[in-house]
C-alpha cells in the first residue's frame, strides 16, 4: 500500500481536537511529509500549525514522528510538543492510530485519503 498523496486529518485528545490535512510521500518503507492543521483547545483560542514528519511503514503499521514545526497563525505565544504516532494500515484510504507527545498527552487520530496516488 502506497501512502503518497493528500489526506484529511482529524485528532481528538483530552483538551481538544485538531482538524486539517496531510501530504505524504512514500519511498520504499520510508515516509515523509507535512501535517497542516488547526488545533482547537477547549475554552482557549485555536492556532494553525505546520509539522514536518518522517517515519516508516512496517507491514501493516505506520510509525512517524514530528521533526519540526512552524506556527502559521496564533493569537498567543506557543511552545509546541511534537508527537510520536503509530497507526494500523487496514484500509488503503484510511489510517487510524494514536499519538503521544513529550508531555505524555495522548490522542487518537484518523487520516482519510483525499486523492489516490498515480503510481
N, C-alpha and C. Protein backbone atom coordinates (compact mmCIF):
# COMPACT_ATOMS: atom_id res chain seq x y z
N UNK A 1 0.85 -1.18 0.00
CA UNK A 1 0.00 0.00 0.00
C UNK A 1 0.89 1.24 0.00
N UNK A 2 0.72 2.10 -1.00
CA UNK A 2 1.50 3.34 -1.08
C UNK A 2 0.69 4.48 -0.46
N UNK A 3 1.29 5.20 0.46
CA UNK A 3 0.60 6.27 1.19
C UNK A 3 0.83 7.65 0.59
N UNK A 4 1.56 7.73 -0.52
CA UNK A 4 1.80 9.01 -1.16
C UNK A 4 0.48 9.65 -1.55
N UNK A 5 0.34 10.93 -1.22
CA UNK A 5 -0.87 11.66 -1.58
C UNK A 5 -1.34 12.59 -0.49
N UNK A 6 -2.56 13.09 -0.68
CA UNK A 6 -3.16 14.03 0.27
C UNK A 6 -4.18 13.31 1.14
N UNK A 7 -4.22 13.70 2.41
CA UNK A 7 -5.07 13.06 3.40
C UNK A 7 -5.77 14.11 4.26
N UNK A 8 -7.02 13.85 4.59
CA UNK A 8 -7.74 14.66 5.57
C UNK A 8 -7.32 14.16 6.95
N UNK A 9 -7.09 15.08 7.91
CA UNK A 9 -6.57 14.73 9.23
C UNK A 9 -7.51 15.21 10.33
N UNK A 10 -7.80 14.32 11.28
CA UNK A 10 -8.58 14.68 12.47
C UNK A 10 -7.99 13.95 13.67
N UNK A 11 -7.85 14.66 14.78
CA UNK A 11 -7.35 14.04 16.01
C UNK A 11 -8.14 14.56 17.19
N UNK A 12 -8.46 13.67 18.12
CA UNK A 12 -9.17 14.00 19.36
C UNK A 12 -8.24 13.71 20.53
N UNK A 13 -8.19 14.64 21.49
CA UNK A 13 -7.42 14.43 22.71
C UNK A 13 -8.16 15.11 23.85
N UNK A 14 -7.72 14.87 25.10
CA UNK A 14 -8.46 15.33 26.26
C UNK A 14 -8.78 16.82 26.25
N UNK A 15 -7.83 17.65 25.83
CA UNK A 15 -8.00 19.10 25.93
C UNK A 15 -8.63 19.72 24.68
N UNK A 16 -8.86 18.93 23.61
CA UNK A 16 -9.42 19.50 22.40
C UNK A 16 -9.31 18.58 21.21
N UNK A 17 -9.17 19.18 20.01
CA UNK A 17 -9.06 18.39 18.78
C UNK A 17 -8.31 19.18 17.72
N UNK A 18 -7.83 18.45 16.70
CA UNK A 18 -7.13 19.01 15.55
C UNK A 18 -7.88 18.65 14.28
N UNK A 19 -7.92 19.59 13.34
CA UNK A 19 -8.51 19.34 12.02
C UNK A 19 -7.63 19.97 10.96
N UNK A 20 -7.35 19.20 9.90
CA UNK A 20 -6.54 19.74 8.82
C UNK A 20 -6.28 18.70 7.76
N UNK A 21 -5.07 18.74 7.20
CA UNK A 21 -4.72 17.79 6.15
C UNK A 21 -3.24 17.43 6.22
N UNK A 22 -2.90 16.37 5.52
CA UNK A 22 -1.52 15.90 5.44
C UNK A 22 -1.18 15.63 3.99
N UNK A 23 0.10 15.79 3.69
CA UNK A 23 0.64 15.40 2.39
C UNK A 23 1.81 14.47 2.68
N UNK A 24 1.71 13.22 2.19
CA UNK A 24 2.74 12.22 2.43
C UNK A 24 3.44 11.85 1.13
N UNK A 25 4.73 11.54 1.25
CA UNK A 25 5.49 10.98 0.14
C UNK A 25 6.17 9.73 0.67
N UNK A 26 5.87 8.58 0.04
CA UNK A 26 6.46 7.32 0.47
C UNK A 26 7.47 6.85 -0.56
N UNK A 27 8.63 6.43 -0.08
CA UNK A 27 9.68 5.87 -0.93
C UNK A 27 10.14 4.59 -0.26
N UNK A 28 9.74 3.45 -0.83
CA UNK A 28 10.01 2.17 -0.17
C UNK A 28 9.27 2.10 1.14
N UNK A 29 9.97 1.87 2.23
CA UNK A 29 9.31 1.83 3.55
C UNK A 29 9.35 3.18 4.26
N UNK A 30 10.09 4.15 3.70
CA UNK A 30 10.22 5.46 4.35
C UNK A 30 9.11 6.40 3.93
N UNK A 31 8.66 7.22 4.88
CA UNK A 31 7.62 8.19 4.60
C UNK A 31 8.04 9.54 5.16
N UNK A 32 7.70 10.59 4.43
CA UNK A 32 7.95 11.95 4.89
C UNK A 32 6.75 12.79 4.47
N UNK A 33 6.66 13.98 5.02
CA UNK A 33 5.56 14.83 4.63
C UNK A 33 5.29 15.94 5.61
N UNK A 34 4.08 16.48 5.48
CA UNK A 34 3.67 17.64 6.26
C UNK A 34 2.25 17.45 6.75
N UNK A 35 2.03 17.78 8.01
CA UNK A 35 0.68 17.89 8.58
C UNK A 35 0.43 19.38 8.79
N UNK A 36 -0.68 19.89 8.27
CA UNK A 36 -1.08 21.28 8.49
C UNK A 36 -2.49 21.22 9.09
N UNK A 37 -2.63 21.77 10.29
CA UNK A 37 -3.92 21.67 10.96
C UNK A 37 -4.14 22.81 11.94
N UNK A 38 -5.40 23.02 12.25
CA UNK A 38 -5.79 23.94 13.30
C UNK A 38 -6.01 23.13 14.56
N UNK A 39 -5.39 23.56 15.65
CA UNK A 39 -5.58 22.90 16.94
C UNK A 39 -6.56 23.74 17.74
N UNK A 40 -7.64 23.09 18.17
CA UNK A 40 -8.68 23.73 18.96
C UNK A 40 -8.57 23.22 20.39
N UNK A 41 -8.19 24.10 21.31
CA UNK A 41 -8.11 23.75 22.73
C UNK A 41 -9.39 24.27 23.38
N UNK A 42 -10.10 23.39 24.08
CA UNK A 42 -11.36 23.79 24.72
C UNK A 42 -11.15 24.99 25.62
N UNK A 43 -12.03 25.97 25.49
CA UNK A 43 -12.04 27.20 26.30
C UNK A 43 -10.80 28.06 26.09
N UNK A 44 -10.09 27.88 24.96
CA UNK A 44 -8.96 28.73 24.60
C UNK A 44 -9.05 29.04 23.11
N UNK A 45 -8.21 29.92 22.64
CA UNK A 45 -8.16 30.24 21.22
C UNK A 45 -7.48 29.10 20.45
N UNK A 46 -7.76 29.02 19.17
CA UNK A 46 -7.14 28.00 18.32
C UNK A 46 -5.89 28.56 17.66
N UNK A 47 -5.07 27.66 17.08
CA UNK A 47 -3.90 28.09 16.34
C UNK A 47 -3.67 27.15 15.16
N UNK A 48 -2.98 27.67 14.14
CA UNK A 48 -2.68 26.92 12.92
C UNK A 48 -1.20 26.55 12.94
N UNK A 49 -0.91 25.28 12.68
CA UNK A 49 0.45 24.77 12.77
C UNK A 49 0.78 23.90 11.56
N UNK A 50 2.05 23.90 11.18
CA UNK A 50 2.57 23.01 10.14
C UNK A 50 3.68 22.17 10.77
N UNK A 51 3.55 20.84 10.66
CA UNK A 51 4.52 19.93 11.26
C UNK A 51 5.15 19.07 10.16
N UNK A 52 6.47 19.09 10.08
CA UNK A 52 7.20 18.21 9.16
C UNK A 52 7.37 16.86 9.85
N UNK A 53 7.03 15.78 9.14
CA UNK A 53 7.10 14.44 9.73
C UNK A 53 8.03 13.54 8.92
N UNK A 54 8.49 12.49 9.58
CA UNK A 54 9.16 11.39 8.87
C UNK A 54 8.93 10.12 9.66
N UNK A 55 8.97 9.02 8.94
CA UNK A 55 8.72 7.75 9.59
C UNK A 55 8.91 6.58 8.67
N UNK A 56 8.24 5.48 9.05
CA UNK A 56 8.44 4.23 8.33
C UNK A 56 7.15 3.41 8.33
N UNK A 57 6.96 2.70 7.22
CA UNK A 57 5.86 1.75 7.08
C UNK A 57 6.45 0.36 7.29
N UNK A 58 5.93 -0.37 8.27
CA UNK A 58 6.39 -1.72 8.56
C UNK A 58 5.19 -2.65 8.53
N UNK A 59 5.12 -3.50 7.52
CA UNK A 59 3.99 -4.41 7.32
C UNK A 59 2.69 -3.63 7.32
N UNK A 60 1.83 -3.83 8.32
CA UNK A 60 0.54 -3.14 8.37
C UNK A 60 0.53 -2.01 9.39
N UNK A 61 1.70 -1.44 9.68
CA UNK A 61 1.80 -0.35 10.65
C UNK A 61 2.55 0.84 10.05
N UNK A 62 2.13 2.02 10.46
CA UNK A 62 2.80 3.25 10.10
C UNK A 62 3.27 3.90 11.40
N UNK A 63 4.54 4.24 11.46
CA UNK A 63 5.09 4.95 12.60
C UNK A 63 5.76 6.21 12.09
N UNK A 64 5.37 7.38 12.64
CA UNK A 64 6.04 8.61 12.24
C UNK A 64 6.11 9.59 13.39
N UNK A 65 7.06 10.49 13.29
CA UNK A 65 7.30 11.48 14.34
C UNK A 65 7.37 12.86 13.72
N UNK A 66 6.99 13.86 14.51
CA UNK A 66 7.18 15.24 14.12
C UNK A 66 8.64 15.60 14.27
N UNK A 67 9.24 16.17 13.23
CA UNK A 67 10.66 16.55 13.27
C UNK A 67 10.84 18.04 13.53
N UNK A 68 9.92 18.86 13.03
CA UNK A 68 9.99 20.31 13.25
C UNK A 68 8.59 20.88 13.05
N UNK A 69 8.40 22.09 13.52
CA UNK A 69 7.09 22.72 13.34
C UNK A 69 7.25 24.22 13.13
N UNK A 70 6.20 24.80 12.54
CA UNK A 70 6.10 26.25 12.40
C UNK A 70 4.67 26.64 12.75
N UNK A 71 4.53 27.60 13.65
CA UNK A 71 3.21 28.13 13.97
C UNK A 71 2.87 29.13 12.86
N UNK A 72 1.81 28.86 12.11
CA UNK A 72 1.43 29.70 10.97
C UNK A 72 0.53 30.85 11.39
N UNK A 73 -0.27 30.65 12.43
CA UNK A 73 -1.17 31.70 12.90
C UNK A 73 -1.59 31.37 14.33
N UNK A 74 -1.40 32.33 15.23
CA UNK A 74 -1.80 32.13 16.62
C UNK A 74 -1.97 33.47 17.31
N UNK A 75 -2.99 33.59 18.16
CA UNK A 75 -3.18 34.83 18.91
C UNK A 75 -2.30 34.90 20.17
N UNK A 76 -1.53 33.85 20.45
CA UNK A 76 -0.69 33.83 21.64
C UNK A 76 0.59 33.05 21.36
N UNK A 77 1.57 33.20 22.24
CA UNK A 77 2.86 32.51 22.12
C UNK A 77 2.68 31.01 22.37
N UNK A 78 3.36 30.17 21.58
CA UNK A 78 3.19 28.71 21.70
C UNK A 78 4.54 28.03 21.75
N UNK A 79 4.67 27.11 22.68
CA UNK A 79 5.76 26.14 22.67
C UNK A 79 5.10 24.79 22.47
N UNK A 80 5.25 24.24 21.29
CA UNK A 80 4.53 23.03 20.89
C UNK A 80 5.37 21.79 21.15
N UNK A 81 4.73 20.74 21.64
CA UNK A 81 5.41 19.45 21.86
C UNK A 81 5.11 18.54 20.68
N UNK A 82 6.15 18.10 19.99
CA UNK A 82 5.98 17.23 18.82
C UNK A 82 5.53 15.83 19.25
N UNK A 83 4.73 15.20 18.39
CA UNK A 83 4.13 13.90 18.67
C UNK A 83 4.89 12.76 18.02
N UNK A 84 4.78 11.59 18.65
CA UNK A 84 5.10 10.31 18.02
C UNK A 84 3.77 9.66 17.71
N UNK A 85 3.63 9.08 16.52
CA UNK A 85 2.36 8.49 16.12
C UNK A 85 2.58 7.07 15.61
N UNK A 86 1.63 6.20 15.95
CA UNK A 86 1.64 4.84 15.42
C UNK A 86 0.23 4.52 14.97
N UNK A 87 0.13 3.87 13.81
CA UNK A 87 -1.19 3.59 13.24
C UNK A 87 -1.19 2.23 12.57
N UNK A 88 -2.40 1.69 12.43
CA UNK A 88 -2.60 0.46 11.69
C UNK A 88 -3.09 0.79 10.30
N UNK A 89 -2.59 0.05 9.32
CA UNK A 89 -2.97 0.24 7.92
C UNK A 89 -3.88 -0.92 7.51
N UNK A 90 -5.15 -0.77 7.79
CA UNK A 90 -6.11 -1.83 7.49
C UNK A 90 -6.93 -1.54 6.25
N UNK A 91 -6.86 -0.30 5.74
CA UNK A 91 -7.67 0.15 4.61
C UNK A 91 -6.78 1.09 3.78
N UNK A 92 -6.74 0.95 2.45
CA UNK A 92 -5.86 1.81 1.65
C UNK A 92 -6.24 3.29 1.68
N UNK A 93 -7.46 3.62 2.12
CA UNK A 93 -7.91 5.00 2.14
C UNK A 93 -8.16 5.54 3.55
N UNK A 94 -7.75 4.80 4.59
CA UNK A 94 -7.97 5.25 5.97
C UNK A 94 -6.83 4.75 6.86
N UNK A 95 -6.32 5.65 7.68
CA UNK A 95 -5.27 5.33 8.65
C UNK A 95 -5.79 5.74 10.02
N UNK A 96 -5.77 4.82 10.99
CA UNK A 96 -6.22 5.15 12.34
C UNK A 96 -5.12 4.79 13.32
N UNK A 97 -4.92 5.66 14.31
CA UNK A 97 -3.88 5.36 15.28
C UNK A 97 -3.94 6.26 16.49
N UNK A 98 -2.84 6.25 17.23
CA UNK A 98 -2.77 7.09 18.43
C UNK A 98 -1.44 7.84 18.45
N UNK A 99 -1.44 8.91 19.24
CA UNK A 99 -0.26 9.76 19.35
C UNK A 99 0.08 9.97 20.82
N UNK A 100 1.32 10.33 21.05
CA UNK A 100 1.76 10.74 22.38
C UNK A 100 2.84 11.80 22.18
N UNK A 101 2.80 12.85 23.02
CA UNK A 101 3.82 13.89 22.88
C UNK A 101 4.79 13.85 24.05
N UNK A 102 5.71 14.81 24.08
CA UNK A 102 6.76 14.84 25.11
C UNK A 102 6.22 15.01 26.52
N UNK A 103 4.98 15.48 26.64
CA UNK A 103 4.35 15.66 27.95
C UNK A 103 3.43 14.48 28.29
N UNK A 104 3.54 13.39 27.53
CA UNK A 104 2.73 12.19 27.70
C UNK A 104 1.24 12.43 27.50
N UNK A 105 0.88 13.44 26.71
CA UNK A 105 -0.51 13.67 26.35
C UNK A 105 -0.82 12.78 25.15
N UNK A 106 -1.91 12.03 25.24
CA UNK A 106 -2.26 11.08 24.20
C UNK A 106 -3.48 11.52 23.42
N UNK A 107 -3.53 11.10 22.16
CA UNK A 107 -4.66 11.38 21.30
C UNK A 107 -4.94 10.22 20.38
N UNK A 108 -6.09 10.26 19.73
CA UNK A 108 -6.47 9.27 18.71
C UNK A 108 -6.71 10.05 17.43
N UNK A 109 -6.13 9.56 16.32
CA UNK A 109 -6.27 10.29 15.06
C UNK A 109 -6.74 9.37 13.95
N UNK A 110 -7.25 10.03 12.92
CA UNK A 110 -7.66 9.33 11.70
C UNK A 110 -7.25 10.19 10.51
N UNK A 111 -6.75 9.53 9.48
CA UNK A 111 -6.42 10.15 8.21
C UNK A 111 -7.25 9.46 7.13
N UNK A 112 -7.90 10.25 6.27
CA UNK A 112 -8.68 9.70 5.15
C UNK A 112 -8.10 10.25 3.85
N UNK A 113 -7.84 9.34 2.91
CA UNK A 113 -7.22 9.74 1.63
C UNK A 113 -8.15 10.68 0.87
N UNK A 114 -7.57 11.78 0.39
CA UNK A 114 -8.32 12.74 -0.43
C UNK A 114 -8.15 12.47 -1.91
N UNK A 115 -7.00 11.91 -2.29
CA UNK A 115 -6.78 11.57 -3.70
C UNK A 115 -5.89 10.34 -3.76
N UNK A 116 -6.08 9.55 -4.76
CA UNK A 116 -5.24 8.36 -4.93
C UNK A 116 -3.92 8.73 -5.58
N UNK A 117 -2.88 8.00 -5.26
CA UNK A 117 -1.59 8.24 -5.89
C UNK A 117 -1.65 7.68 -7.31
N UNK A 118 -0.88 8.29 -8.18
CA UNK A 118 -0.85 7.86 -9.59
C UNK A 118 0.38 6.99 -9.82
N UNK A 119 0.43 5.86 -9.16
CA UNK A 119 1.62 5.00 -9.30
C UNK A 119 1.34 3.83 -10.21
